[in-house]
């Protein structure tokens, strides 16, 4: 199914974008929990129920993957780029995310995801006055 981290991140975004609850059911661990950018947590049943409650993706991808494997576990940083709506309201277009994956007999599965806003991007809070973004110039 998802024998590499890369194959997991090829399949999971497609399942999210399609609202494919059956496929997501196979890709999440039994004790999965997601933390949204406002700090709310969703256990597995609530995560799977989002699509029946008005979540719709027009686009969903995970970019800039930075995997850190530790045996049968991995912490993978990445950036969600998404368009869509929840209950008719637009969703944030860019989120930074930390994904925790575990490998079992079926391959890699998602145990947790924690998302945060990227300030100044559509749907996120603005950068605070005087704040600068993180980039190479900021490290000098």
N, C-alpha and C. Protein backbone atom coordinates (compact mmCIF):
# COMPACT_ATOMS: atom_id res chain seq x y z
N UNK A 1 0.84 -1.20 0.00
CA UNK A 1 0.00 0.00 0.00
C UNK A 1 0.88 1.25 0.00
N UNK A 2 1.49 1.58 1.13
CA UNK A 2 2.32 2.78 1.22
C UNK A 2 3.67 2.36 1.80
N UNK A 3 4.46 1.65 0.97
CA UNK A 3 5.70 1.07 1.47
C UNK A 3 6.82 2.08 1.66
N UNK A 4 6.67 3.28 1.13
CA UNK A 4 7.65 4.34 1.39
C UNK A 4 6.92 5.59 1.88
N UNK A 5 7.66 6.45 2.54
CA UNK A 5 7.07 7.71 2.98
C UNK A 5 6.59 8.51 1.78
N UNK A 6 7.36 8.47 0.70
CA UNK A 6 6.96 9.20 -0.51
C UNK A 6 5.65 8.65 -1.07
N UNK A 7 5.48 7.32 -1.05
CA UNK A 7 4.22 6.76 -1.57
C UNK A 7 3.06 7.13 -0.66
N UNK A 8 3.31 7.22 0.66
CA UNK A 8 2.25 7.66 1.56
C UNK A 8 1.81 9.08 1.18
N UNK A 9 2.80 9.97 0.97
CA UNK A 9 2.45 11.36 0.67
C UNK A 9 2.01 11.57 -0.78
N UNK A 10 2.04 10.53 -1.58
CA UNK A 10 1.38 10.57 -2.89
C UNK A 10 -0.09 10.18 -2.73
N UNK A 11 -0.36 9.21 -1.84
CA UNK A 11 -1.72 8.70 -1.68
C UNK A 11 -2.58 9.53 -0.74
N UNK A 12 -2.05 9.92 0.42
CA UNK A 12 -2.87 10.61 1.42
C UNK A 12 -3.48 11.92 0.90
N UNK A 13 -2.71 12.80 0.25
CA UNK A 13 -3.34 14.03 -0.26
C UNK A 13 -4.45 13.76 -1.28
N UNK A 14 -4.29 12.73 -2.10
CA UNK A 14 -5.36 12.40 -3.06
C UNK A 14 -6.62 11.97 -2.33
N UNK A 15 -6.46 11.18 -1.27
CA UNK A 15 -7.62 10.74 -0.49
C UNK A 15 -8.28 11.92 0.21
N UNK A 16 -7.48 12.83 0.77
CA UNK A 16 -8.05 14.02 1.42
C UNK A 16 -8.81 14.87 0.40
N UNK A 17 -8.19 15.14 -0.75
CA UNK A 17 -8.84 15.99 -1.75
C UNK A 17 -10.14 15.38 -2.23
N UNK A 18 -10.16 14.06 -2.40
CA UNK A 18 -11.36 13.38 -2.90
C UNK A 18 -12.40 13.17 -1.81
N UNK A 19 -12.03 13.39 -0.54
CA UNK A 19 -12.96 13.09 0.55
C UNK A 19 -13.23 11.60 0.64
N UNK A 20 -12.23 10.80 0.29
CA UNK A 20 -12.36 9.34 0.23
C UNK A 20 -12.18 8.75 1.63
N UNK A 21 -13.27 8.67 2.36
CA UNK A 21 -13.23 8.23 3.76
C UNK A 21 -12.74 6.79 3.86
N UNK A 22 -13.12 5.92 2.93
CA UNK A 22 -12.68 4.53 2.98
C UNK A 22 -11.16 4.44 2.85
N UNK A 23 -10.59 5.21 1.95
CA UNK A 23 -9.13 5.18 1.78
C UNK A 23 -8.45 5.83 2.98
N UNK A 24 -9.00 6.94 3.47
CA UNK A 24 -8.42 7.57 4.66
C UNK A 24 -8.48 6.63 5.86
N UNK A 25 -9.54 5.87 5.96
CA UNK A 25 -9.69 4.90 7.05
C UNK A 25 -8.51 3.93 7.07
N UNK A 26 -8.02 3.54 5.91
CA UNK A 26 -6.88 2.62 5.82
C UNK A 26 -5.55 3.33 6.08
N UNK A 27 -5.49 4.63 5.83
CA UNK A 27 -4.23 5.37 5.94
C UNK A 27 -3.97 5.93 7.34
N UNK A 28 -4.98 5.94 8.21
CA UNK A 28 -4.84 6.47 9.57
C UNK A 28 -4.70 5.33 10.56
N UNK A 29 -3.89 5.53 11.61
CA UNK A 29 -3.82 4.55 12.68
C UNK A 29 -5.13 4.59 13.48
N UNK A 30 -5.38 3.54 14.24
CA UNK A 30 -6.61 3.48 15.04
C UNK A 30 -6.68 4.61 16.07
N UNK A 31 -5.52 5.05 16.57
CA UNK A 31 -5.51 6.09 17.59
C UNK A 31 -5.10 7.46 17.03
N UNK A 32 -5.26 7.65 15.71
CA UNK A 32 -4.92 8.92 15.06
C UNK A 32 -5.57 10.10 15.77
N UNK A 33 -4.84 11.23 15.79
CA UNK A 33 -5.39 12.50 16.25
C UNK A 33 -4.80 13.62 15.38
N UNK A 34 -5.66 14.55 15.00
CA UNK A 34 -5.22 15.71 14.23
C UNK A 34 -5.42 16.97 15.05
N UNK A 35 -4.46 17.89 14.98
CA UNK A 35 -4.56 19.18 15.65
C UNK A 35 -4.60 20.26 14.59
N UNK A 36 -5.66 21.05 14.61
CA UNK A 36 -5.85 22.09 13.62
C UNK A 36 -5.11 23.37 13.97
N UNK A 37 -5.07 24.32 13.05
CA UNK A 37 -4.30 25.54 13.25
C UNK A 37 -4.83 26.45 14.35
N UNK A 38 -6.06 26.23 14.79
CA UNK A 38 -6.61 27.02 15.90
C UNK A 38 -6.46 26.31 17.23
N UNK A 39 -5.80 25.13 17.22
CA UNK A 39 -5.55 24.40 18.45
C UNK A 39 -6.55 23.32 18.79
N UNK A 40 -7.61 23.16 18.01
CA UNK A 40 -8.58 22.10 18.29
C UNK A 40 -7.98 20.75 17.91
N UNK A 41 -8.43 19.69 18.57
CA UNK A 41 -7.98 18.34 18.22
C UNK A 41 -9.17 17.52 17.74
N UNK A 42 -8.88 16.67 16.77
CA UNK A 42 -9.90 15.78 16.23
C UNK A 42 -9.39 14.35 16.32
N UNK A 43 -10.06 13.51 17.13
CA UNK A 43 -9.71 12.09 17.10
C UNK A 43 -10.14 11.49 15.77
N UNK A 44 -9.69 10.31 15.50
CA UNK A 44 -9.91 9.64 14.22
C UNK A 44 -11.36 9.71 13.73
N UNK A 45 -12.37 9.34 14.55
CA UNK A 45 -13.75 9.39 14.04
C UNK A 45 -14.17 10.79 13.59
N UNK A 46 -13.78 11.81 14.34
CA UNK A 46 -14.14 13.19 13.96
C UNK A 46 -13.39 13.62 12.71
N UNK A 47 -12.13 13.19 12.56
CA UNK A 47 -11.36 13.52 11.35
C UNK A 47 -12.05 12.95 10.12
N UNK A 48 -12.46 11.70 10.22
CA UNK A 48 -13.12 11.05 9.08
C UNK A 48 -14.50 11.66 8.81
N UNK A 49 -15.14 12.22 9.82
CA UNK A 49 -16.49 12.79 9.66
C UNK A 49 -16.47 14.19 9.06
N UNK A 50 -15.31 14.82 8.91
CA UNK A 50 -15.24 16.21 8.43
C UNK A 50 -15.93 16.40 7.08
N UNK A 51 -15.81 15.41 6.21
CA UNK A 51 -16.37 15.55 4.86
C UNK A 51 -17.89 15.55 4.89
N UNK A 52 -18.49 14.81 5.79
CA UNK A 52 -19.94 14.81 5.94
C UNK A 52 -20.46 16.05 6.65
N UNK A 53 -19.54 16.84 7.21
CA UNK A 53 -19.92 18.06 7.94
C UNK A 53 -19.61 19.32 7.15
N UNK A 54 -19.27 19.17 5.87
CA UNK A 54 -19.12 20.35 5.03
C UNK A 54 -17.73 20.67 4.53
N UNK A 55 -16.72 19.81 4.81
CA UNK A 55 -15.38 20.07 4.28
C UNK A 55 -15.33 19.66 2.81
N UNK A 56 -14.82 20.57 1.98
CA UNK A 56 -14.65 20.27 0.55
C UNK A 56 -13.31 20.85 0.10
N UNK A 57 -12.49 20.00 -0.47
CA UNK A 57 -11.22 20.45 -1.06
C UNK A 57 -11.38 20.57 -2.56
N UNK A 58 -10.91 21.67 -3.12
CA UNK A 58 -10.76 21.79 -4.57
C UNK A 58 -9.35 21.39 -4.97
N UNK A 59 -8.42 21.55 -4.06
CA UNK A 59 -7.04 21.16 -4.27
C UNK A 59 -6.39 20.87 -2.93
N UNK A 60 -5.49 19.89 -2.89
CA UNK A 60 -4.79 19.56 -1.65
C UNK A 60 -3.47 18.89 -2.01
N UNK A 61 -2.37 19.47 -1.56
CA UNK A 61 -1.06 18.86 -1.79
C UNK A 61 -0.19 19.10 -0.56
N UNK A 62 0.83 18.27 -0.42
CA UNK A 62 1.82 18.44 0.64
C UNK A 62 3.17 18.58 -0.04
N UNK A 63 3.84 19.69 0.24
CA UNK A 63 5.11 20.01 -0.42
C UNK A 63 6.22 20.17 0.61
N UNK A 64 7.42 20.29 0.10
CA UNK A 64 8.61 20.56 0.93
C UNK A 64 8.75 19.53 2.05
N UNK A 65 8.60 18.25 1.70
CA UNK A 65 8.68 17.19 2.70
C UNK A 65 10.09 17.09 3.28
N UNK A 66 10.15 17.00 4.61
CA UNK A 66 11.41 16.82 5.33
C UNK A 66 11.23 15.63 6.27
N UNK A 67 11.47 14.40 5.79
CA UNK A 67 11.25 13.22 6.62
C UNK A 67 12.44 12.95 7.56
N UNK A 68 12.11 12.50 8.75
CA UNK A 68 13.09 12.10 9.75
C UNK A 68 12.66 10.73 10.25
N UNK A 69 13.27 9.67 9.71
CA UNK A 69 12.88 8.30 10.05
C UNK A 69 13.60 7.84 11.31
N UNK A 70 12.86 7.11 12.13
CA UNK A 70 13.39 6.52 13.35
C UNK A 70 12.81 5.11 13.45
N UNK A 71 13.43 4.15 12.76
CA UNK A 71 12.92 2.78 12.75
C UNK A 71 11.57 2.73 12.06
N UNK A 72 10.57 2.26 12.78
CA UNK A 72 9.22 2.14 12.23
C UNK A 72 8.36 3.37 12.50
N UNK A 73 9.00 4.49 12.85
CA UNK A 73 8.30 5.76 13.04
C UNK A 73 9.01 6.83 12.22
N UNK A 74 8.27 7.87 11.88
CA UNK A 74 8.87 8.99 11.16
C UNK A 74 8.13 10.27 11.53
N UNK A 75 8.90 11.33 11.64
CA UNK A 75 8.35 12.68 11.79
C UNK A 75 8.63 13.37 10.46
N UNK A 76 7.58 13.87 9.82
CA UNK A 76 7.73 14.46 8.50
C UNK A 76 7.15 15.87 8.51
N UNK A 77 8.01 16.85 8.30
CA UNK A 77 7.55 18.23 8.17
C UNK A 77 7.13 18.46 6.73
N UNK A 78 6.14 19.28 6.53
CA UNK A 78 5.69 19.58 5.18
C UNK A 78 4.75 20.76 5.17
N UNK A 79 4.50 21.26 4.00
CA UNK A 79 3.61 22.41 3.83
C UNK A 79 2.38 21.98 3.05
N UNK A 80 1.21 22.15 3.67
CA UNK A 80 -0.06 21.86 3.00
C UNK A 80 -0.44 23.06 2.15
N UNK A 81 -0.73 22.81 0.90
CA UNK A 81 -1.30 23.84 0.01
C UNK A 81 -2.67 23.32 -0.38
N UNK A 82 -3.68 24.12 -0.07
CA UNK A 82 -5.05 23.63 -0.23
C UNK A 82 -5.98 24.77 -0.61
N UNK A 83 -7.00 24.40 -1.33
CA UNK A 83 -8.10 25.32 -1.60
C UNK A 83 -9.38 24.54 -1.35
N UNK A 84 -10.39 25.25 -0.92
CA UNK A 84 -11.66 24.61 -0.64
C UNK A 84 -12.43 25.39 0.39
N UNK A 85 -13.39 24.71 1.02
CA UNK A 85 -14.23 25.40 2.00
C UNK A 85 -14.71 24.42 3.06
N UNK A 86 -15.10 24.97 4.18
CA UNK A 86 -15.75 24.20 5.24
C UNK A 86 -17.02 24.94 5.60
N UNK A 87 -18.15 24.32 5.36
CA UNK A 87 -19.42 24.96 5.63
C UNK A 87 -19.61 26.24 4.83
N UNK A 88 -19.01 26.30 3.65
CA UNK A 88 -19.14 27.47 2.79
C UNK A 88 -18.08 28.54 3.01
N UNK A 89 -17.32 28.46 4.08
CA UNK A 89 -16.26 29.44 4.36
C UNK A 89 -14.93 28.92 3.81
N UNK A 90 -14.13 29.80 3.19
CA UNK A 90 -12.86 29.33 2.65
C UNK A 90 -11.92 28.83 3.74
N UNK A 91 -11.14 27.81 3.41
CA UNK A 91 -10.15 27.28 4.35
C UNK A 91 -8.80 27.97 4.11
N UNK A 92 -7.91 27.95 5.11
CA UNK A 92 -6.57 28.54 4.90
C UNK A 92 -5.87 27.85 3.73
N UNK A 93 -5.17 28.63 2.93
CA UNK A 93 -4.56 28.07 1.73
C UNK A 93 -3.19 27.45 1.97
N UNK A 94 -2.51 27.86 3.03
CA UNK A 94 -1.17 27.33 3.32
C UNK A 94 -1.07 27.04 4.81
N UNK A 95 -0.66 25.83 5.14
CA UNK A 95 -0.44 25.44 6.53
C UNK A 95 0.90 24.72 6.62
N UNK A 96 1.64 24.98 7.67
CA UNK A 96 2.84 24.19 7.96
C UNK A 96 2.38 23.04 8.83
N UNK A 97 2.89 21.83 8.58
CA UNK A 97 2.40 20.67 9.31
C UNK A 97 3.53 19.75 9.73
N UNK A 98 3.34 19.15 10.89
CA UNK A 98 4.20 18.09 11.38
C UNK A 98 3.37 16.81 11.39
N UNK A 99 3.83 15.81 10.66
CA UNK A 99 3.13 14.53 10.53
C UNK A 99 3.92 13.47 11.27
N UNK A 100 3.25 12.62 12.02
CA UNK A 100 3.88 11.49 12.68
C UNK A 100 3.34 10.23 12.01
N UNK A 101 4.24 9.46 11.41
CA UNK A 101 3.86 8.23 10.72
C UNK A 101 4.42 7.03 11.46
N UNK A 102 3.74 5.91 11.32
CA UNK A 102 4.23 4.65 11.86
C UNK A 102 4.10 3.59 10.78
N UNK A 103 5.04 2.65 10.77
CA UNK A 103 5.04 1.60 9.76
C UNK A 103 4.59 0.30 10.39
N UNK A 104 3.61 -0.35 9.75
CA UNK A 104 3.16 -1.67 10.19
C UNK A 104 3.15 -2.59 8.97
N UNK A 105 2.51 -3.73 9.06
CA UNK A 105 2.48 -4.68 7.96
C UNK A 105 1.86 -4.14 6.69
N UNK A 106 1.02 -3.12 6.79
CA UNK A 106 0.35 -2.53 5.62
C UNK A 106 1.15 -1.37 5.03
N UNK A 107 2.22 -0.95 5.68
CA UNK A 107 3.02 0.18 5.20
C UNK A 107 2.95 1.33 6.18
N UNK A 108 3.21 2.53 5.69
CA UNK A 108 3.19 3.72 6.52
C UNK A 108 1.76 4.21 6.71
N UNK A 109 1.44 4.58 7.96
CA UNK A 109 0.12 5.14 8.28
C UNK A 109 0.32 6.38 9.15
N UNK A 110 -0.65 7.28 9.07
CA UNK A 110 -0.58 8.55 9.80
C UNK A 110 -1.13 8.38 11.21
N UNK A 111 -0.29 8.66 12.21
CA UNK A 111 -0.70 8.57 13.61
C UNK A 111 -1.14 9.93 14.15
N UNK A 112 -0.54 11.00 13.64
CA UNK A 112 -0.89 12.35 14.11
C UNK A 112 -0.46 13.37 13.08
N UNK A 113 -1.18 14.48 13.06
CA UNK A 113 -0.77 15.64 12.27
C UNK A 113 -1.09 16.88 13.10
N UNK A 114 -0.16 17.83 13.10
CA UNK A 114 -0.35 19.09 13.80
C UNK A 114 -0.10 20.20 12.78
N UNK A 115 -1.08 21.06 12.59
CA UNK A 115 -1.00 22.10 11.57
C UNK A 115 -0.96 23.48 12.22
N UNK A 116 -0.23 24.39 11.59
CA UNK A 116 -0.22 25.77 12.06
C UNK A 116 -0.30 26.71 10.87
N UNK A 117 -0.87 27.88 11.12
CA UNK A 117 -0.96 28.90 10.09
C UNK A 117 0.44 29.34 9.66
N UNK A 118 0.54 29.80 8.43
CA UNK A 118 1.73 30.49 7.96
C UNK A 118 1.30 31.95 7.83
N UNK A 119 1.72 32.77 8.78
CA UNK A 119 1.26 34.15 8.86
C UNK A 119 1.45 34.88 7.54
N UNK A 120 0.45 35.66 7.19
CA UNK A 120 0.51 36.47 5.99
C UNK A 120 0.05 35.77 4.73
N UNK A 121 -0.34 34.48 4.82
CA UNK A 121 -0.86 33.77 3.65
C UNK A 121 -2.38 33.83 3.67
N UNK A 122 -3.03 33.63 2.52
CA UNK A 122 -4.50 33.73 2.48
C UNK A 122 -5.18 32.80 3.50
N UNK A 123 -6.06 33.39 4.29
CA UNK A 123 -6.80 32.64 5.30
C UNK A 123 -6.11 32.56 6.64
N UNK A 124 -4.92 33.12 6.76
CA UNK A 124 -4.16 33.08 8.02
C UNK A 124 -4.08 34.48 8.61
N UNK A 125 -3.74 34.57 9.90
CA UNK A 125 -3.54 35.89 10.49
C UNK A 125 -2.40 36.63 9.79
N UNK A 126 -2.42 37.96 9.82
CA UNK A 126 -1.33 38.72 9.21
C UNK A 126 -0.06 38.63 10.05
N UNK A 127 1.07 38.96 9.44
CA UNK A 127 2.31 39.07 10.20
C UNK A 127 2.17 40.21 11.20
N UNK A 128 2.65 40.05 12.43
CA UNK A 128 2.60 41.15 13.40
C UNK A 128 3.44 42.32 12.89
N UNK A 129 3.07 43.52 13.30
CA UNK A 129 3.80 44.72 12.90
C UNK A 129 5.27 44.57 13.26
N UNK A 130 6.13 44.85 12.31
CA UNK A 130 7.57 44.79 12.54
C UNK A 130 8.17 43.40 12.42
N UNK A 131 7.34 42.38 12.24
CA UNK A 131 7.87 41.01 12.13
C UNK A 131 8.43 40.79 10.74
N UNK A 132 9.40 39.92 10.69
CA UNK A 132 9.98 39.53 9.41
C UNK A 132 9.77 38.04 9.23
N UNK A 133 9.65 37.62 7.99
CA UNK A 133 9.54 36.19 7.70
C UNK A 133 10.87 35.50 7.89
N UNK A 134 10.85 34.18 7.96
CA UNK A 134 12.08 33.40 8.08
C UNK A 134 12.62 33.10 6.69
N UNK A 135 13.85 33.43 6.48
CA UNK A 135 14.50 33.15 5.22
C UNK A 135 16.00 33.28 5.39
N UNK A 136 16.76 33.02 4.33
CA UNK A 136 18.22 33.08 4.44
C UNK A 136 18.73 34.42 4.97
N UNK A 137 18.10 35.52 4.59
CA UNK A 137 18.56 36.83 5.06
C UNK A 137 18.38 36.99 6.56
N UNK A 138 17.42 36.27 7.14
CA UNK A 138 17.17 36.39 8.58
C UNK A 138 18.22 35.67 9.41
N UNK A 139 18.98 34.76 8.79
CA UNK A 139 19.98 33.99 9.52
C UNK A 139 21.32 34.71 9.60
N UNK A 140 21.46 35.81 8.89
CA UNK A 140 22.75 36.53 8.87
C UNK A 140 22.97 37.31 10.15
